[in-house]
Amino acid sequence: MTTIDQEKIDYIVGMLQDIKYGSLVITIHEGHVIQVDSIEKKRFAPKSKPTNTRVLQASK
């Protein structure tokens, strides 16, 4: 088993603490952490639909 240096551990923990929604991808090569990708999502609440969306047109 390969040990992970403290700098990488601190970075990964910091990223995990900062992200609210999304993912953290840790790339390992030959037992070593070589890359960390963070993808953060921003979700917006849907707008409520009006109850009456019908448009009345005057007859010609």
PDB file of N, CA and C in Angstrom:
ATOM      1  N   MET A   1       0.854  -1.194   0.000  1.00  0.00           N
ATOM      2  CA  MET A   1       0.000   0.000   0.000  1.00  0.00           C
ATOM      3  C   MET A   1       0.891   1.246   0.000  1.00  0.00           C
ATOM      4  N   THR A   2       0.541   2.183  -0.851  1.00  0.00           N
ATOM      5  CA  THR A   2       1.288   3.429  -0.973  1.00  0.00           C
ATOM      6  C   THR A   2       0.733   4.458   0.006  1.00  0.00           C
ATOM      7  N   THR A   3       1.607   5.232   0.631  1.00  0.00           N
ATOM      8  CA  THR A   3       1.144   6.292   1.518  1.00  0.00           C
ATOM      9  C   THR A   3       0.894   7.552   0.696  1.00  0.00           C
ATOM     10  N   ILE A   4      -0.053   8.346   1.158  1.00  0.00           N
ATOM     11  CA  ILE A   4      -0.405   9.602   0.483  1.00  0.00           C
ATOM     12  C   ILE A   4       0.148  10.738   1.322  1.00  0.00           C
ATOM     13  N   ASP A   5       0.881  11.646   0.696  1.00  0.00           N
ATOM     14  CA  ASP A   5       1.468  12.722   1.493  1.00  0.00           C
ATOM     15  C   ASP A   5       0.385  13.672   2.018  1.00  0.00           C
ATOM     16  N   GLN A   6       0.709  14.328   3.100  1.00  0.00           N
ATOM     17  CA  GLN A   6      -0.255  15.153   3.831  1.00  0.00           C
ATOM     18  C   GLN A   6      -0.795  16.305   2.988  1.00  0.00           C
ATOM     19  N   GLU A   7       0.012  16.857   2.100  1.00  0.00           N
ATOM     20  CA  GLU A   7      -0.437  17.962   1.238  1.00  0.00           C
ATOM     21  C   GLU A   7      -1.630  17.524   0.383  1.00  0.00           C
ATOM     22  N   LYS A   8      -1.557  16.318  -0.177  1.00  0.00           N
ATOM     23  CA  LYS A   8      -2.649  15.820  -1.017  1.00  0.00           C
ATOM     24  C   LYS A   8      -3.887  15.532  -0.172  1.00  0.00           C
ATOM     25  N   ILE A   9      -3.697  14.950   0.992  1.00  0.00           N
ATOM     26  CA  ILE A   9      -4.829  14.671   1.887  1.00  0.00           C
ATOM     27  C   ILE A   9      -5.524  15.971   2.280  1.00  0.00           C
ATOM     28  N   ASP A  10      -4.742  16.980   2.666  1.00  0.00           N
ATOM     29  CA  ASP A  10      -5.316  18.274   3.059  1.00  0.00           C
ATOM     30  C   ASP A  10      -6.079  18.920   1.910  1.00  0.00           C
ATOM     31  N   TYR A  11      -5.537  18.814   0.698  1.00  0.00           N
ATOM     32  CA  TYR A  11      -6.199  19.393  -0.472  1.00  0.00           C
ATOM     33  C   TYR A  11      -7.535  18.713  -0.724  1.00  0.00           C
ATOM     34  N   ILE A  12      -7.542  17.374  -0.697  1.00  0.00           N
ATOM     35  CA  ILE A  12      -8.770  16.614  -0.948  1.00  0.00           C
ATOM     36  C   ILE A  12      -9.819  16.905   0.115  1.00  0.00           C
ATOM     37  N   VAL A  13      -9.410  16.932   1.381  1.00  0.00           N
ATOM     38  CA  VAL A  13     -10.357  17.227   2.473  1.00  0.00           C
ATOM     39  C   VAL A  13     -10.912  18.640   2.319  1.00  0.00           C
ATOM     40  N   GLY A  14     -10.062  19.596   1.950  1.00  0.00           N
ATOM     41  CA  GLY A  14     -10.521  20.974   1.734  1.00  0.00           C
ATOM     42  C   GLY A  14     -11.543  21.060   0.615  1.00  0.00           C
ATOM     43  N   MET A  15     -11.307  20.334  -0.474  1.00  0.00           N
ATOM     44  CA  MET A  15     -12.255  20.322  -1.585  1.00  0.00           C
ATOM     45  C   MET A  15     -13.588  19.711  -1.144  1.00  0.00           C
ATOM     46  N   LEU A  16     -13.531  18.643  -0.377  1.00  0.00           N
ATOM     47  CA  LEU A  16     -14.760  17.999   0.103  1.00  0.00           C
ATOM     48  C   LEU A  16     -15.554  18.933   1.013  1.00  0.00           C
ATOM     49  N   GLN A  17     -14.877  19.731   1.810  1.00  0.00           N
ATOM     50  CA  GLN A  17     -15.565  20.649   2.716  1.00  0.00           C
ATOM     51  C   GLN A  17     -16.200  21.814   1.963  1.00  0.00           C
ATOM     52  N   ASP A  18     -15.624  22.195   0.836  1.00  0.00           N
ATOM     53  CA  ASP A  18     -16.115  23.362   0.092  1.00  0.00           C
ATOM     54  C   ASP A  18     -17.264  23.051  -0.857  1.00  0.00           C
ATOM     55  N   ILE A  19     -17.360  21.829  -1.328  1.00  0.00           N
ATOM     56  CA  ILE A  19     -18.348  21.506  -2.349  1.00  0.00           C
ATOM     57  C   ILE A  19     -19.716  21.230  -1.704  1.00  0.00           C
ATOM     58  N   LYS A  20     -20.772  21.801  -2.282  1.00  0.00           N
ATOM     59  CA  LYS A  20     -22.126  21.588  -1.768  1.00  0.00           C
ATOM     60  C   LYS A  20     -22.847  20.518  -2.578  1.00  0.00           C
ATOM     61  N   TYR A  21     -22.819  20.645  -3.895  1.00  0.00           N
ATOM     62  CA  TYR A  21     -23.424  19.663  -4.808  1.00  0.00           C
ATOM     63  C   TYR A  21     -22.440  19.420  -5.937  1.00  0.00           C
ATOM     64  N   GLY A  22     -22.172  18.190  -6.236  1.00  0.00           N
ATOM     65  CA  GLY A  22     -21.263  17.904  -7.333  1.00  0.00           C
ATOM     66  C   GLY A  22     -20.464  16.647  -7.075  1.00  0.00           C
ATOM     67  N   SER A  23     -19.258  16.621  -7.628  1.00  0.00           N
ATOM     68  CA  SER A  23     -18.439  15.426  -7.466  1.00  0.00           C
ATOM     69  C   SER A  23     -16.962  15.801  -7.410  1.00  0.00           C
ATOM     70  N   LEU A  24     -16.210  14.910  -6.797  1.00  0.00           N
ATOM     71  CA  LEU A  24     -14.773  15.046  -6.708  1.00  0.00           C
ATOM     72  C   LEU A  24     -14.193  13.755  -7.284  1.00  0.00           C
ATOM     73  N   VAL A  25     -13.365  13.875  -8.314  1.00  0.00           N
ATOM     74  CA  VAL A  25     -12.770  12.711  -8.965  1.00  0.00           C
ATOM     75  C   VAL A  25     -11.281  12.716  -8.654  1.00  0.00           C
ATOM     76  N   ILE A  26     -10.810  11.628  -8.051  1.00  0.00           N
ATOM     77  CA  ILE A  26      -9.401  11.501  -7.706  1.00  0.00           C
ATOM     78  C   ILE A  26      -8.790  10.474  -8.662  1.00  0.00           C
ATOM     79  N   THR A  27      -7.804  10.907  -9.433  1.00  0.00           N
ATOM     80  CA  THR A  27      -7.157  10.025 -10.407  1.00  0.00           C
ATOM     81  C   THR A  27      -5.887   9.441  -9.783  1.00  0.00           C
ATOM     82  N   ILE A  28      -5.802   8.115  -9.838  1.00  0.00           N
ATOM     83  CA  ILE A  28      -4.673   7.380  -9.276  1.00  0.00           C
ATOM     84  C   ILE A  28      -3.897   6.734 -10.425  1.00  0.00           C
ATOM     85  N   HIS A  29      -2.574   6.825 -10.384  1.00  0.00           N
ATOM     86  CA  HIS A  29      -1.729   6.162 -11.380  1.00  0.00           C
ATOM     87  C   HIS A  29      -0.596   5.457 -10.647  1.00  0.00           C
ATOM     88  N   GLU A  30      -0.529   4.160 -10.823  1.00  0.00           N
ATOM     89  CA  GLU A  30       0.479   3.327 -10.164  1.00  0.00           C
ATOM     90  C   GLU A  30       0.506   3.555  -8.648  1.00  0.00           C
ATOM     91  N   GLY A  31      -0.694   3.684  -8.065  1.00  0.00           N
ATOM     92  CA  GLY A  31      -0.813   3.814  -6.612  1.00  0.00           C
ATOM     93  C   GLY A  31      -0.595   5.210  -6.065  1.00  0.00           C
ATOM     94  N   HIS A  32      -0.457   6.205  -6.941  1.00  0.00           N
ATOM     95  CA  HIS A  32      -0.210   7.580  -6.490  1.00  0.00           C
ATOM     96  C   HIS A  32      -1.324   8.504  -6.980  1.00  0.00           C
ATOM     97  N   VAL A  33      -1.737   9.428  -6.127  1.00  0.00           N
ATOM     98  CA  VAL A  33      -2.706  10.449  -6.529  1.00  0.00           C
ATOM     99  C   VAL A  33      -1.990  11.394  -7.475  1.00  0.00           C
ATOM    100  N   ILE A  34      -2.525  11.519  -8.688  1.00  0.00           N
ATOM    101  CA  ILE A  34      -1.875  12.402  -9.659  1.00  0.00           C
ATOM    102  C   ILE A  34      -2.749  13.579 -10.082  1.00  0.00           C
ATOM    103  N   GLN A  35      -4.071  13.471  -9.813  1.00  0.00           N
ATOM    104  CA  GLN A  35      -4.961  14.539 -10.262  1.00  0.00           C
ATOM    105  C   GLN A  35      -6.232  14.520  -9.440  1.00  0.00           C
ATOM    106  N   VAL A  36      -6.783  15.718  -9.179  1.00  0.00           N
ATOM    107  CA  VAL A  36      -8.070  15.851  -8.494  1.00  0.00           C
ATOM    108  C   VAL A  36      -8.925  16.806  -9.320  1.00  0.00           C
ATOM    109  N   ASP A  37     -10.100  16.347  -9.727  1.00  0.00           N
ATOM    110  CA  ASP A  37     -11.039  17.175 -10.490  1.00  0.00           C
ATOM    111  C   ASP A  37     -12.281  17.410  -9.650  1.00  0.00           C
ATOM    112  N   SER A  38     -12.704  18.662  -9.588  1.00  0.00           N
ATOM    113  CA  SER A  38     -13.914  19.010  -8.849  1.00  0.00           C
ATOM    114  C   SER A  38     -14.946  19.551  -9.830  1.00  0.00           C
ATOM    115  N   ILE A  39     -16.139  18.996  -9.773  1.00  0.00           N
ATOM    116  CA  ILE A  39     -17.241  19.469 -10.607  1.00  0.00           C
ATOM    117  C   ILE A  39     -18.360  19.880  -9.665  1.00  0.00           C
ATOM    118  N   GLU A  40     -18.621  21.163  -9.606  1.00  0.00           N
ATOM    119  CA  GLU A  40     -19.668  21.652  -8.702  1.00  0.00           C
ATOM    120  C   GLU A  40     -20.908  21.991  -9.507  1.00  0.00           C
ATOM    121  N   LYS A  41     -22.045  21.608  -8.978  1.00  0.00           N
ATOM    122  CA  LYS A  41     -23.324  21.845  -9.632  1.00  0.00           C
ATOM    123  C   LYS A  41     -24.050  22.991  -8.937  1.00  0.00           C
ATOM    124  N   LYS A  42     -24.759  23.761  -9.719  1.00  0.00           N
ATOM    125  CA  LYS A  42     -25.632  24.808  -9.174  1.00  0.00           C
ATOM    126  C   LYS A  42     -27.026  24.513  -9.664  1.00  0.00           C
ATOM    127  N   ARG A  43     -27.936  24.297  -8.741  1.00  0.00           N
ATOM    128  CA  ARG A  43     -29.318  23.998  -9.113  1.00  0.00           C
ATOM    129  C   ARG A  43     -30.204  25.158  -8.694  1.00  0.00           C
ATOM    130  N   PHE A  44     -31.118  25.492  -9.572  1.00  0.00           N
ATOM    131  CA  PHE A  44     -32.062  26.562  -9.313  1.00  0.00           C
ATOM    132  C   PHE A  44     -33.433  25.946  -9.088  1.00  0.00           C
ATOM    133  N   ALA A  45     -34.163  26.472  -8.136  1.00  0.00           N
ATOM    134  CA  ALA A  45     -35.510  25.978  -7.864  1.00  0.00           C
ATOM    135  C   ALA A  45     -36.408  26.327  -9.042  1.00  0.00           C
ATOM    136  N   PRO A  46     -37.269  25.403  -9.459  1.00  0.00           N
ATOM    137  CA  PRO A  46     -38.169  25.709 -10.582  1.00  0.00           C
ATOM    138  C   PRO A  46     -39.168  26.783 -10.174  1.00  0.00           C
ATOM    139  N   LYS A  47     -39.512  27.601 -11.146  1.00  0.00           N
ATOM    140  CA  LYS A  47     -40.525  28.631 -10.898  1.00  0.00           C
ATOM    141  C   LYS A  47     -41.874  27.958 -10.828  1.00  0.00           C
ATOM    142  N   SER A  48     -42.709  28.430  -9.934  1.00  0.00           N
ATOM    143  CA  SER A  48     -44.048  27.849  -9.850  1.00  0.00           C
ATOM    144  C   SER A  48     -44.866  28.318 -11.049  1.00  0.00           C
ATOM    145  N   LYS A  49     -45.672  27.427 -11.568  1.00  0.00           N
ATOM    146  CA  LYS A  49     -46.492  27.738 -12.737  1.00  0.00           C
ATOM    147  C   LYS A  49     -47.746  28.484 -12.289  1.00  0.00           C
ATOM    148  N   PRO A  50     -48.159  29.469 -13.058  1.00  0.00           N
ATOM    149  CA  PRO A  50     -49.412  30.149 -12.746  1.00  0.00           C
ATOM    150  C   PRO A  50     -50.572  29.156 -12.850  1.00  0.00           C
ATOM    151  N   THR A  51     -51.552  29.336 -12.000  1.00  0.00           N
ATOM    152  CA  THR A  51     -52.676  28.401 -12.000  1.00  0.00           C
ATOM    153  C   THR A  51     -53.564  28.563 -13.220  1.00  0.00           C
ATOM    154  N   ASN A  52     -53.674  29.760 -13.761  1.00  0.00           N
ATOM    155  CA  ASN A  52     -54.522  29.992 -14.921  1.00  0.00           C
ATOM    156  C   ASN A  52     -53.672  30.600 -16.032  1.00  0.00           C
ATOM    157  N   THR A  53     -53.242  29.783 -16.967  1.00  0.00           N
ATOM    158  CA  THR A  53     -52.390  30.275 -18.049  1.00  0.00           C
ATOM    159  C   THR A  53     -53.157  30.478 -19.346  1.00  0.00           C
ATOM    160  N   ARG A  54     -54.428  30.346 -19.285  1.00  0.00           N
ATOM    161  CA  ARG A  54     -55.281  30.474 -20.455  1.00  0.00           C
ATOM    162  C   ARG A  54     -55.374  31.932 -20.901  1.00  0.00           C
ATOM    163  N   VAL A  55     -55.223  32.157 -22.189  1.00  0.00           N
ATOM    164  CA  VAL A  55     -55.340  33.504 -22.737  1.00  0.00           C
ATOM    165  C   VAL A  55     -56.639  33.582 -23.506  1.00  0.00           C
ATOM    166  N   LEU A  56     -57.448  34.555 -23.142  1.00  0.00           N
ATOM    167  CA  LEU A  56     -58.727  34.740 -23.834  1.00  0.00           C
ATOM    168  C   LEU A  56     -58.529  35.728 -24.978  1.00  0.00           C
ATOM    169  N   GLN A  57     -59.028  35.365 -26.151  1.00  0.00           N
ATOM    170  CA  GLN A  57     -58.944  36.250 -27.299  1.00  0.00           C
ATOM    171  C   GLN A  57     -60.332  36.721 -27.669  1.00  0.00           C
ATOM    172  N   ALA A  58     -60.411  37.956 -28.084  1.00  0.00           N
ATOM    173  CA  ALA A  58     -61.709  38.482 -28.517  1.00  0.00           C
ATOM    174  C   ALA A  58     -62.074  37.894 -29.864  1.00  0.00           C
ATOM    175  N   SER A  59     -63.335  37.474 -30.002  1.00  0.00           N
ATOM    176  CA  SER A  59     -63.770  36.918 -31.290  1.00  0.00           C
ATOM    177  C   SER A  59     -63.999  38.024 -32.274  1.00  0.00           C
ATOM    178  N   LYS A  60     -63.678  37.724 -33.511  1.00  0.00           N
ATOM    179  CA  LYS A  60     -63.807  38.737 -34.569  1.00  0.00           C
ATOM    180  C   LYS A  60     -65.133  38.619 -35.266  1.00  0.00           C
TER     181      LYS A  60
END
